[in-house]
Amino acid sequence: MLDRAGGDVHGEGEEGTHPDFKATHYAIVTGMMALTAMLGGALSGFGALAYGYAWLFTLAFVASVPGLLLIPFVAYRPECQ
């Protein structure tokens, strides 16, 4: 994709977004993040009613285990040194 000046839009800037659209990109991604948080909250309410809090929190804990296991690998990335 080319921008108005004929340059390649992809790969420009530090984050890979065109400098003219960084605020738009931030707003869209922030909205998507908020939407998933709201959907997760609504679904957890239905899950708590259907299965009870003990099963809901057990499922939440089991779902968090893969992320917890990846924490040591994130800390030793070359960019973090």
N, C-alpha and C. Protein backbone atom coordinates (compact mmCIF):
# COMPACT_ATOMS: atom_id res chain seq x y z
N MET A 1 0.84 -1.17 0.00
CA MET A 1 0.00 0.00 0.00
C MET A 1 0.89 1.23 0.00
N LEU A 2 0.51 2.22 -0.78
CA LEU A 2 1.30 3.44 -0.88
C LEU A 2 0.59 4.59 -0.19
N ASP A 3 1.39 5.47 0.42
CA ASP A 3 0.78 6.65 1.02
C ASP A 3 0.63 7.75 -0.02
N ARG A 4 0.23 8.94 0.40
CA ARG A 4 -0.01 10.04 -0.54
C ARG A 4 1.26 10.47 -1.26
N ALA A 5 2.41 10.32 -0.63
CA ALA A 5 3.66 10.73 -1.26
C ALA A 5 4.26 9.61 -2.11
N GLY A 6 3.61 8.46 -2.19
CA GLY A 6 4.12 7.37 -3.00
C GLY A 6 5.02 6.42 -2.24
N GLY A 7 5.21 6.62 -0.94
CA GLY A 7 6.05 5.74 -0.13
C GLY A 7 5.26 4.55 0.39
N ASP A 8 5.97 3.55 0.79
CA ASP A 8 5.33 2.35 1.33
C ASP A 8 4.86 2.62 2.75
N VAL A 9 3.57 2.36 3.01
CA VAL A 9 3.01 2.62 4.34
C VAL A 9 3.48 1.57 5.33
N HIS A 10 3.56 0.32 4.92
CA HIS A 10 3.94 -0.76 5.83
C HIS A 10 5.43 -0.67 6.16
N GLY A 11 5.72 -0.85 7.43
CA GLY A 11 7.11 -0.88 7.86
C GLY A 11 7.67 0.48 8.22
N GLU A 12 6.91 1.56 8.00
CA GLU A 12 7.42 2.87 8.37
C GLU A 12 7.13 3.15 9.82
N GLY A 13 7.95 3.93 10.44
CA GLY A 13 7.74 4.29 11.84
C GLY A 13 8.23 3.18 12.76
N GLU A 14 8.29 3.50 14.02
CA GLU A 14 8.82 2.56 15.00
C GLU A 14 7.91 1.35 15.18
N GLU A 15 6.60 1.55 15.11
CA GLU A 15 5.68 0.47 15.37
C GLU A 15 5.10 -0.13 14.09
N GLY A 16 5.57 0.29 12.93
CA GLY A 16 5.06 -0.24 11.69
C GLY A 16 3.81 0.47 11.20
N THR A 17 3.41 1.56 11.84
CA THR A 17 2.27 2.33 11.38
C THR A 17 2.76 3.65 10.81
N HIS A 18 2.03 4.15 9.86
CA HIS A 18 2.39 5.43 9.25
C HIS A 18 2.21 6.53 10.30
N PRO A 19 3.13 7.49 10.36
CA PRO A 19 3.05 8.53 11.39
C PRO A 19 1.74 9.32 11.36
N ASP A 20 1.12 9.46 10.20
CA ASP A 20 -0.13 10.21 10.11
C ASP A 20 -1.29 9.48 10.79
N PHE A 21 -1.16 8.19 10.98
CA PHE A 21 -2.28 7.39 11.47
C PHE A 21 -2.03 6.76 12.83
N LYS A 22 -1.02 7.21 13.56
CA LYS A 22 -0.72 6.60 14.86
C LYS A 22 -1.85 6.81 15.86
N ALA A 23 -2.45 7.98 15.89
CA ALA A 23 -3.54 8.24 16.84
C ALA A 23 -4.76 7.39 16.50
N THR A 24 -5.03 7.24 15.20
CA THR A 24 -6.16 6.42 14.78
C THR A 24 -5.92 4.96 15.14
N HIS A 25 -4.72 4.49 14.89
CA HIS A 25 -4.36 3.12 15.23
C HIS A 25 -4.51 2.89 16.73
N TYR A 26 -4.03 3.81 17.53
CA TYR A 26 -4.12 3.70 18.99
C TYR A 26 -5.59 3.67 19.43
N ALA A 27 -6.43 4.53 18.85
CA ALA A 27 -7.83 4.58 19.23
C ALA A 27 -8.56 3.29 18.87
N ILE A 28 -8.30 2.75 17.69
CA ILE A 28 -8.97 1.52 17.27
C ILE A 28 -8.55 0.35 18.16
N VAL A 29 -7.26 0.21 18.41
CA VAL A 29 -6.78 -0.91 19.23
C VAL A 29 -7.26 -0.77 20.67
N THR A 30 -7.31 0.44 21.20
CA THR A 30 -7.82 0.66 22.55
C THR A 30 -9.29 0.29 22.63
N GLY A 31 -10.06 0.65 21.61
CA GLY A 31 -11.47 0.28 21.57
C GLY A 31 -11.67 -1.22 21.50
N MET A 32 -10.85 -1.91 20.72
CA MET A 32 -10.93 -3.37 20.64
C MET A 32 -10.61 -4.00 21.99
N MET A 33 -9.62 -3.46 22.67
CA MET A 33 -9.25 -3.98 23.98
C MET A 33 -10.39 -3.77 24.98
N ALA A 34 -11.02 -2.61 24.95
CA ALA A 34 -12.12 -2.34 25.87
C ALA A 34 -13.32 -3.24 25.55
N LEU A 35 -13.56 -3.49 24.26
CA LEU A 35 -14.67 -4.35 23.88
C LEU A 35 -14.47 -5.77 24.40
N THR A 36 -13.26 -6.29 24.26
CA THR A 36 -13.01 -7.65 24.75
C THR A 36 -13.13 -7.72 26.27
N ALA A 37 -12.74 -6.67 26.97
CA ALA A 37 -12.88 -6.65 28.43
C ALA A 37 -14.35 -6.64 28.82
N MET A 38 -15.17 -5.88 28.11
CA MET A 38 -16.60 -5.83 28.42
C MET A 38 -17.27 -7.16 28.09
N LEU A 39 -16.92 -7.76 26.97
CA LEU A 39 -17.50 -9.05 26.61
C LEU A 39 -17.09 -10.14 27.61
N GLY A 40 -15.84 -10.10 28.02
CA GLY A 40 -15.37 -11.06 29.02
C GLY A 40 -16.10 -10.92 30.34
N GLY A 41 -16.36 -9.69 30.74
CA GLY A 41 -17.09 -9.46 31.98
C GLY A 41 -18.53 -9.95 31.89
N ALA A 42 -19.17 -9.70 30.75
CA ALA A 42 -20.55 -10.16 30.58
C ALA A 42 -20.62 -11.68 30.54
N LEU A 43 -19.71 -12.30 29.81
CA LEU A 43 -19.72 -13.76 29.72
C LEU A 43 -19.40 -14.41 31.06
N SER A 44 -18.52 -13.79 31.83
CA SER A 44 -18.20 -14.37 33.13
C SER A 44 -19.39 -14.31 34.07
N GLY A 45 -20.22 -13.31 33.92
CA GLY A 45 -21.43 -13.24 34.73
C GLY A 45 -22.37 -14.39 34.42
N PHE A 46 -22.56 -14.69 33.12
CA PHE A 46 -23.39 -15.83 32.74
C PHE A 46 -22.76 -17.15 33.21
N GLY A 47 -21.44 -17.24 33.13
CA GLY A 47 -20.75 -18.45 33.59
C GLY A 47 -20.89 -18.65 35.08
N ALA A 48 -20.82 -17.55 35.84
CA ALA A 48 -20.98 -17.65 37.29
C ALA A 48 -22.39 -18.11 37.66
N LEU A 49 -23.38 -17.61 36.93
CA LEU A 49 -24.75 -18.03 37.20
C LEU A 49 -24.97 -19.50 36.83
N ALA A 50 -24.38 -19.92 35.74
CA ALA A 50 -24.62 -21.28 35.25
C ALA A 50 -23.83 -22.34 36.03
N TYR A 51 -22.57 -22.04 36.37
CA TYR A 51 -21.70 -23.06 36.96
C TYR A 51 -21.29 -22.79 38.39
N GLY A 52 -21.47 -21.58 38.86
CA GLY A 52 -21.05 -21.22 40.22
C GLY A 52 -19.66 -20.61 40.20
N TYR A 53 -19.35 -19.91 41.27
CA TYR A 53 -18.08 -19.18 41.34
C TYR A 53 -16.86 -20.10 41.42
N ALA A 54 -16.99 -21.23 42.08
CA ALA A 54 -15.83 -22.12 42.22
C ALA A 54 -15.36 -22.61 40.85
N TRP A 55 -16.29 -23.04 40.00
CA TRP A 55 -15.90 -23.49 38.66
C TRP A 55 -15.41 -22.34 37.80
N LEU A 56 -16.02 -21.18 37.95
CA LEU A 56 -15.61 -20.02 37.16
C LEU A 56 -14.17 -19.63 37.48
N PHE A 57 -13.84 -19.56 38.75
CA PHE A 57 -12.48 -19.17 39.13
C PHE A 57 -11.47 -20.27 38.81
N THR A 58 -11.89 -21.53 38.88
CA THR A 58 -11.00 -22.63 38.47
C THR A 58 -10.71 -22.53 36.99
N LEU A 59 -11.72 -22.28 36.18
CA LEU A 59 -11.52 -22.13 34.74
C LEU A 59 -10.63 -20.93 34.44
N ALA A 60 -10.84 -19.82 35.15
CA ALA A 60 -10.01 -18.63 34.95
C ALA A 60 -8.55 -18.92 35.31
N PHE A 61 -8.34 -19.67 36.37
CA PHE A 61 -6.97 -20.02 36.75
C PHE A 61 -6.32 -20.92 35.70
N VAL A 62 -7.05 -21.92 35.25
CA VAL A 62 -6.50 -22.84 34.23
C VAL A 62 -6.19 -22.08 32.94
N ALA A 63 -7.04 -21.13 32.58
CA ALA A 63 -6.80 -20.35 31.37
C ALA A 63 -5.59 -19.44 31.51
N SER A 64 -5.22 -19.06 32.73
CA SER A 64 -4.08 -18.18 32.93
C SER A 64 -2.75 -18.91 33.00
N VAL A 65 -2.77 -20.23 33.17
CA VAL A 65 -1.52 -20.99 33.34
C VAL A 65 -0.57 -20.84 32.14
N PRO A 66 -1.02 -20.95 30.88
CA PRO A 66 -0.07 -20.78 29.77
C PRO A 66 0.64 -19.42 29.79
N GLY A 67 -0.08 -18.36 30.11
CA GLY A 67 0.55 -17.05 30.21
C GLY A 67 1.55 -16.97 31.34
N LEU A 68 1.23 -17.58 32.46
CA LEU A 68 2.15 -17.59 33.59
C LEU A 68 3.42 -18.37 33.27
N LEU A 69 3.29 -19.45 32.51
CA LEU A 69 4.46 -20.25 32.15
C LEU A 69 5.38 -19.51 31.17
N LEU A 70 4.86 -18.54 30.45
CA LEU A 70 5.68 -17.79 29.49
C LEU A 70 6.42 -16.61 30.11
N ILE A 71 6.11 -16.26 31.34
CA ILE A 71 6.74 -15.10 31.99
C ILE A 71 8.27 -15.19 32.02
N PRO A 72 8.87 -16.33 32.36
CA PRO A 72 10.34 -16.37 32.38
C PRO A 72 10.97 -16.11 31.03
N PHE A 73 10.30 -16.46 29.95
CA PHE A 73 10.86 -16.25 28.62
C PHE A 73 10.77 -14.79 28.19
N VAL A 74 9.79 -14.07 28.67
CA VAL A 74 9.65 -12.66 28.33
C VAL A 74 10.75 -11.86 29.00
N ALA A 75 11.11 -12.21 30.20
CA ALA A 75 12.11 -11.45 30.95
C ALA A 75 13.51 -11.56 30.36
N TYR A 76 13.78 -12.59 29.57
CA TYR A 76 15.12 -12.80 29.05
C TYR A 76 15.23 -12.51 27.56
N ARG A 77 14.32 -11.72 27.01
CA ARG A 77 14.43 -11.32 25.61
C ARG A 77 15.64 -10.40 25.46
N PRO A 78 16.34 -10.45 24.33
CA PRO A 78 17.51 -9.56 24.14
C PRO A 78 17.15 -8.08 24.22
N GLU A 79 15.92 -7.69 23.82
CA GLU A 79 15.54 -6.29 23.87
C GLU A 79 15.44 -5.78 25.30
N CYS A 80 15.26 -6.67 26.27
CA CYS A 80 15.08 -6.28 27.67
C CYS A 80 16.41 -6.16 28.42
N GLN A 81 17.47 -6.54 27.83
CA GLN A 81 18.76 -6.52 28.52
C GLN A 81 19.35 -5.15 28.54
